[in-house]
Amino acid sequence: MEKMIINFHPSLVIIESEKTNELLMGVYDQTYPLMVFRGSVNLMGGNPNPNDKGPLEVLLRELNEELASNHGEKDKFASKEDIKAIRLSITQKIVPFKDFFFKIKKIPGGRETHTTIGSVFYSNINQNAFEIARENLSRNKKIVSEGGLSIQTLDGLAKKGKFYAAHLTAPILNEYYGVKIPFPEEVHTRVLVEPKETFEDYLQDFSYNNGWREH
């Protein structure tokens, strides 16, 4: 059987507060190259580097880079102690959820038609760390190195437009919570199984278009 070619394979995490059931989410700023998603919310995480061995390693690296304590020494950032508290609360509570296969057709202001596997994890962070994030955001303090963060509710997301939750975000949250957050009709998804341990484990069914996991 011919393997499905994959263009992107990000690792993503749903970050939920322990008591209030709110979500801590990324926000693309006005420098984001895909104009249609500027100002849109997203799940924290990112794409692999050539040396990354598997999805969980990618996620932990991305979180440690985005929430690096030395950012707290820069103007306009939260303190390094606050950033560290948020980072540790997220990374110490990560559990696997599911892989998702996406085929996303051309969206004006977005990418050309492409395929993606999203390896999704979940972290239920303690309320104290969540409130640290809330307090810093209320004072317009930056917490992450790229873009921004925001606090969202499922009810609020369900009332937004179809581009408010970027890329893979809405279908993933809809699957996890059983809700109906809108997303573009160009986005087609299929739920797979739990994230695999290594990228090589995906090669039985998929082929990466740049060949970086083929050898």
Foldseek 3Di string as FASTA:
>chain_A
DDFAEAAFEKEFEWEAEQPPRKTKWFAADPVPQQNLRHRATETQTTTDDLPDFFRLSRRLVRLCQFLPLVCLVDPLAPHSVLSVLLSCQFNVFKDWDFKKWKFFDDDVSHDHTGIYIYGYIYGHGYNVSVVSLVVSVVVSGARTDHGGIDIGHPVRQQPDDQSRYDDCGQVVCCVVPVDHRHHDPRMDMDIDGITDDGPLVCVVRYAYPVRSNVD
